[in-house]
């Protein structure tokens, strides 16, 4: 591809916009993959008493535009239990129930996984 000197700036801008679009698509794809993986990890590690809490984990798209995507993972059935089960809580008759960390480890794993997927996707390998 040959470019004349007077249209060089336009050619550079066009190339950069194309690259930015490819990077945005890569990032969005990585976000969706990592959200699904994180959701599965939280479901697997969630405490199972009746199973309602474990089955209640859902994901939804919170925001999307041309360059950004934000997904949210939440518990649709027993949202009020998430903090109590994750961190532990006091018993009514005294004493304490130990927490069962299942959200924080999945979040940490998702953050590192997302970073890795984006790096691999942007570098092309």
C-alpha atoms as a PDB file:
ATOM      1  CA  UNK A   1       0.000   0.000   0.000  1.00  0.00           C
ATOM      2  CA  UNK A   2       1.493   3.306  -1.018  1.00  0.00           C
ATOM      3  CA  UNK A   3       0.490   6.540   0.627  1.00  0.00           C
ATOM      4  CA  UNK A   4       1.262  10.010  -0.581  1.00  0.00           C
ATOM      5  CA  UNK A   5       2.870  12.415   1.870  1.00  0.00           C
ATOM      6  CA  UNK A   6      -0.154  14.727   2.013  1.00  0.00           C
ATOM      7  CA  UNK A   7      -2.472  11.852   3.064  1.00  0.00           C
ATOM      8  CA  UNK A   8      -0.071  10.157   5.476  1.00  0.00           C
ATOM      9  CA  UNK A   9      -1.810  11.526   8.586  1.00  0.00           C
ATOM     10  CA  UNK A  10      -5.196  10.236   7.397  1.00  0.00           C
ATOM     11  CA  UNK A  11      -3.729   6.796   6.696  1.00  0.00           C
ATOM     12  CA  UNK A  12      -2.167   6.630  10.164  1.00  0.00           C
ATOM     13  CA  UNK A  13      -5.407   7.681  11.853  1.00  0.00           C
ATOM     14  CA  UNK A  14      -7.361   5.107   9.841  1.00  0.00           C
ATOM     15  CA  UNK A  15      -4.921   2.343  10.803  1.00  0.00           C
ATOM     16  CA  UNK A  16      -5.012   3.299  14.477  1.00  0.00           C
ATOM     17  CA  UNK A  17      -8.824   3.346  14.508  1.00  0.00           C
ATOM     18  CA  UNK A  18      -8.902  -0.101  12.924  1.00  0.00           C
ATOM     19  CA  UNK A  19      -6.427  -1.405  15.509  1.00  0.00           C
ATOM     20  CA  UNK A  20      -8.430   0.173  18.359  1.00  0.00           C
ATOM     21  CA  UNK A  21     -11.567  -1.575  17.088  1.00  0.00           C
ATOM     22  CA  UNK A  22      -9.770  -4.923  16.996  1.00  0.00           C
ATOM     23  CA  UNK A  23      -8.451  -4.416  20.531  1.00  0.00           C
ATOM     24  CA  UNK A  24     -11.934  -3.455  21.780  1.00  0.00           C
ATOM     25  CA  UNK A  25     -13.408  -6.621  20.231  1.00  0.00           C
ATOM     26  CA  UNK A  26     -10.665  -8.724  21.823  1.00  0.00           C
ATOM     27  CA  UNK A  27     -11.271  -7.155  25.223  1.00  0.00           C
ATOM     28  CA  UNK A  28     -15.053  -7.645  25.000  1.00  0.00           C
ATOM     29  CA  UNK A  29     -14.613 -11.293  24.030  1.00  0.00           C
ATOM     30  CA  UNK A  30     -12.192 -11.818  26.933  1.00  0.00           C
ATOM     31  CA  UNK A  31     -14.588 -10.134  29.378  1.00  0.00           C
ATOM     32  CA  UNK A  32     -17.431 -12.429  28.313  1.00  0.00           C
ATOM     33  CA  UNK A  33     -15.252 -15.551  28.583  1.00  0.00           C
ATOM     34  CA  UNK A  34     -13.893 -14.608  32.004  1.00  0.00           C
ATOM     35  CA  UNK A  35     -17.366 -13.698  33.276  1.00  0.00           C
ATOM     36  CA  UNK A  36     -18.642 -17.145  32.303  1.00  0.00           C
ATOM     37  CA  UNK A  37     -15.638 -18.835  33.941  1.00  0.00           C
ATOM     38  CA  UNK A  38     -16.041 -16.777  37.115  1.00  0.00           C
ATOM     39  CA  UNK A  39     -19.754 -17.565  37.276  1.00  0.00           C
ATOM     40  CA  UNK A  40     -19.051 -21.290  37.026  1.00  0.00           C
ATOM     41  CA  UNK A  41     -16.329 -21.081  39.682  1.00  0.00           C
ATOM     42  CA  UNK A  42     -18.616 -19.235  42.103  1.00  0.00           C
ATOM     43  CA  UNK A  43     -21.389 -21.779  41.515  1.00  0.00           C
ATOM     44  CA  UNK A  44     -19.022 -24.677  42.165  1.00  0.00           C
ATOM     45  CA  UNK A  45     -17.565 -23.198  45.354  1.00  0.00           C
ATOM     46  CA  UNK A  46     -20.845 -21.877  46.789  1.00  0.00           C
ATOM     47  CA  UNK A  47     -22.210 -23.644  49.847  1.00  0.00           C
ATOM     48  CA  UNK A  48     -24.937 -26.110  49.025  1.00  0.00           C
ATOM     49  CA  UNK A  49     -27.644 -26.571  51.620  1.00  0.00           C
ATOM     50  CA  UNK A  50     -30.862 -26.682  49.613  1.00  0.00           C
ATOM     51  CA  UNK A  51     -29.089 -25.669  46.398  1.00  0.00           C
ATOM     52  CA  UNK A  52     -31.122 -22.482  45.877  1.00  0.00           C
ATOM     53  CA  UNK A  53     -28.197 -20.205  46.741  1.00  0.00           C
ATOM     54  CA  UNK A  54     -25.871 -22.071  44.389  1.00  0.00           C
ATOM     55  CA  UNK A  55     -28.399 -22.065  41.534  1.00  0.00           C
ATOM     56  CA  UNK A  56     -29.174 -18.387  42.037  1.00  0.00           C
ATOM     57  CA  UNK A  57     -25.945 -17.038  40.524  1.00  0.00           C
ATOM     58  CA  UNK A  58     -26.575 -15.108  37.313  1.00  0.00           C
ATOM     59  CA  UNK A  59     -24.713 -12.712  35.052  1.00  0.00           C
ATOM     60  CA  UNK A  60     -25.943  -9.700  33.162  1.00  0.00           C
ATOM     61  CA  UNK A  61     -24.500  -7.050  30.921  1.00  0.00           C
ATOM     62  CA  UNK A  62     -24.376  -3.839  32.946  1.00  0.00           C
ATOM     63  CA  UNK A  63     -22.978  -1.546  30.254  1.00  0.00           C
ATOM     64  CA  UNK A  64     -21.671  -1.702  26.720  1.00  0.00           C
ATOM     65  CA  UNK A  65     -20.556   0.846  24.160  1.00  0.00           C
ATOM     66  CA  UNK A  66     -18.123   0.756  21.259  1.00  0.00           C
ATOM     67  CA  UNK A  67     -15.039   0.266  23.401  1.00  0.00           C
ATOM     68  CA  UNK A  68     -16.226  -0.989  26.814  1.00  0.00           C
ATOM     69  CA  UNK A  69     -18.171  -3.882  28.278  1.00  0.00           C
ATOM     70  CA  UNK A  70     -19.095  -4.432  31.909  1.00  0.00           C
ATOM     71  CA  UNK A  71     -20.736  -7.610  33.181  1.00  0.00           C
ATOM     72  CA  UNK A  72     -22.102  -8.180  36.670  1.00  0.00           C
ATOM     73  CA  UNK A  73     -22.401 -11.472  38.524  1.00  0.00           C
ATOM     74  CA  UNK A  74     -25.089 -11.511  41.205  1.00  0.00           C
ATOM     75  CA  UNK A  75     -27.244 -13.885  43.208  1.00  0.00           C
ATOM     76  CA  UNK A  76     -30.850 -13.525  42.088  1.00  0.00           C
ATOM     77  CA  UNK A  77     -32.410 -15.755  44.740  1.00  0.00           C
ATOM     78  CA  UNK A  78     -30.511 -15.180  47.998  1.00  0.00           C
ATOM     79  CA  UNK A  79     -28.553 -11.967  47.515  1.00  0.00           C
ATOM     80  CA  UNK A  80     -28.822 -11.163  51.239  1.00  0.00           C
ATOM     81  CA  UNK A  81     -26.766 -14.255  52.101  1.00  0.00           C
ATOM     82  CA  UNK A  82     -23.695 -13.471  50.014  1.00  0.00           C
ATOM     83  CA  UNK A  83     -21.893 -11.378  52.648  1.00  0.00           C
ATOM     84  CA  UNK A  84     -22.929 -13.619  55.538  1.00  0.00           C
ATOM     85  CA  UNK A  85     -21.717 -16.784  53.842  1.00  0.00           C
ATOM     86  CA  UNK A  86     -18.533 -15.203  52.464  1.00  0.00           C
ATOM     87  CA  UNK A  87     -17.402 -13.491  55.681  1.00  0.00           C
ATOM     88  CA  UNK A  88     -19.149 -15.484  58.404  1.00  0.00           C
ATOM     89  CA  UNK A  89     -21.630 -14.189  60.950  1.00  0.00           C
ATOM     90  CA  UNK A  90     -22.664 -14.279  64.606  1.00  0.00           C
ATOM     91  CA  UNK A  91     -25.145 -16.912  65.763  1.00  0.00           C
ATOM     92  CA  UNK A  92     -28.336 -15.892  67.503  1.00  0.00           C
ATOM     93  CA  UNK A  93     -27.472 -17.878  70.646  1.00  0.00           C
ATOM     94  CA  UNK A  94     -23.865 -16.712  70.758  1.00  0.00           C
ATOM     95  CA  UNK A  95     -20.784 -17.840  68.969  1.00  0.00           C
ATOM     96  CA  UNK A  96     -19.816 -17.425  65.398  1.00  0.00           C
ATOM     97  CA  UNK A  97     -20.253 -19.218  62.068  1.00  0.00           C
ATOM     98  CA  UNK A  98     -17.091 -19.378  59.970  1.00  0.00           C
ATOM     99  CA  UNK A  99     -17.191 -17.854  56.528  1.00  0.00           C
ATOM    100  CA  UNK A 100     -16.928 -19.892  53.353  1.00  0.00           C
ATOM    101  CA  UNK A 101     -14.889 -17.813  50.908  1.00  0.00           C
ATOM    102  CA  UNK A 102     -16.310 -18.483  47.460  1.00  0.00           C
ATOM    103  CA  UNK A 103     -16.708 -15.039  45.837  1.00  0.00           C
ATOM    104  CA  UNK A 104     -13.349 -13.378  46.584  1.00  0.00           C
ATOM    105  CA  UNK A 105     -11.168 -16.263  45.288  1.00  0.00           C
ATOM    106  CA  UNK A 106     -13.199 -16.409  42.068  1.00  0.00           C
ATOM    107  CA  UNK A 107     -12.891 -12.633  41.653  1.00  0.00           C
ATOM    108  CA  UNK A 108      -9.115 -12.743  42.105  1.00  0.00           C
ATOM    109  CA  UNK A 109      -8.803 -15.613  39.646  1.00  0.00           C
ATOM    110  CA  UNK A 110     -11.004 -13.763  37.131  1.00  0.00           C
ATOM    111  CA  UNK A 111      -8.884 -10.606  37.366  1.00  0.00           C
ATOM    112  CA  UNK A 112      -5.653 -12.446  36.610  1.00  0.00           C
ATOM    113  CA  UNK A 113      -7.313 -14.541  33.907  1.00  0.00           C
ATOM    114  CA  UNK A 114      -8.740 -11.443  32.211  1.00  0.00           C
ATOM    115  CA  UNK A 115      -5.368  -9.743  32.194  1.00  0.00           C
ATOM    116  CA  UNK A 116      -3.741 -12.820  30.672  1.00  0.00           C
ATOM    117  CA  UNK A 117      -6.432 -13.246  27.984  1.00  0.00           C
ATOM    118  CA  UNK A 118      -6.211  -9.592  26.980  1.00  0.00           C
ATOM    119  CA  UNK A 119      -2.428  -9.712  26.774  1.00  0.00           C
ATOM    120  CA  UNK A 120      -2.540 -12.846  24.633  1.00  0.00           C
ATOM    121  CA  UNK A 121      -5.304 -11.471  22.422  1.00  0.00           C
ATOM    122  CA  UNK A 122      -3.719  -8.090  21.814  1.00  0.00           C
ATOM    123  CA  UNK A 123      -0.248  -9.463  21.164  1.00  0.00           C
ATOM    124  CA  UNK A 124      -1.706 -11.957  18.698  1.00  0.00           C
ATOM    125  CA  UNK A 125      -0.473 -15.078  20.401  1.00  0.00           C
END
